[in-house]
Amino acid sequence: MIKYTVIVLSICFWINIFTSCSKKEVSDENVKSTFVISDTMMKEIRLDTVKRETVNSQLLLTGKVYPDENKIINVYPLVGGSVKEVYVELGDYVTKGEVLAVIQSGEIADYERQLIDAQSDLLVAQKQQAVTQDLYDGKLTSEKDLISAKKEAEKAQANLNRMNEIFKIYSIGKQSSYVVKAPISGFVVDKNINREMQIRSDNTDRIFTISQLDELWVIADVFESDISKIKLGYEAVVNTISYPDKKFKGKIDKVYNVLDARTKTMKIRIKLNNSELLLKPEMHATVRLFYSDGIESELVPAKAVIFDKSKNYVMVYKDKYNVETREVEVLKTLDKVTYLTKGVKAGEVIISQNQLLIYDALND
């Protein structure tokens, strides 16, 4: 009797264990099949729609920042003399018409004499024209003489206008001095003049260079093997050491179709807006050019792709009760986007933020 009871109890024990395990397996399957994204989690994730777009590539170049040559003015001395005052320094911002320096020179007297001579010549020419006109009206001279008198008067007037313009531009005044003024508003990027400096009358060197820096150029080198990838109008993103996290955007506006025999590179020019005046001439720059490969592919945010066990996945979202782990094939990743060749189609919705939490919950 005791032996029979032990056998019955043993059978019951194994039946209970089997039943318990079966319930646990059913329970685990039920949990997985009924996975739901909670309302709290829905606030933490981000959904993006898969797009189909032309595949872009990028080319990495090095270059340097230069001022726009069309916005640079060189200031030259009008005459030789002694520099009495210099009011600006290298790097200063000046406005149009601002006084830069004052130079005293004996040569100014010659300009004053030329101005007086021009005024006298004009008066003589005008009187001669009036006399000739009276003679012509009285039929005492020819039309040829009248035309000649008018031309002499016009020539004398032009010469006087030229002298007046010189006095205006260089602000020639009394005491044999003239004032050097800024021809445009901008920054003093070059200065070759100091107080008490002697300037020779035959000097042809500039004393100031003023540049407007609201727009700048980046000149970059393109290797011979990459020349075929370059076209006018391509978008470019420029980074500098000074501002590593800031992107300066521009476009290629000139291709210098000449190959440097020494470096085997061709130069291109990118025009940049510099209204914040962050970029400075001579800065080194890294240039990224974007161009089309001529093919189309599905595109997703780069951060949406999960790399696990040597494969790439995305989490496809249909609703909060239906999320699928989908294997994908990556063509390339560019900046913040990834191009895919297999796994998803345009229009499907994927999770692109905190998707790893959901991936772990569904695949552990």
Foldseek 3Di string as FASTA:
>chain_A
DVVVVVVVVVVVVVVVVVVVVVVVVVVVVVCLLFFFQDPVNVVFWDKDFKAKDFDKDKDKWKWFWFFDPVFKDFAADPFWAWWADADDDAFDWDAFFAFGTKGADPCLVVLVVQLVVLVVQLVVLVVLLVVVVVCVVVVNDDVVSNVVSVVSNVVSVVSNVVSVVVCVQQVDDPPRMTTHGHRHTAGWNDADDDHRDTGHRPDDDTGTMGGHRQKIKIKIWAAQVCPVVDDWFWKKWKAFPVHRPDTWIWTFHDWQPDADPVRRITITMTMTGCNVVPDDGGTMMMMMTMDGPPDMFIKDFPQQWDQDPNWIWWWWDDDRRDIDTWTWAWPDDDDGMTGTDDTDDGRTMTIRGPVVVVVVVNPD
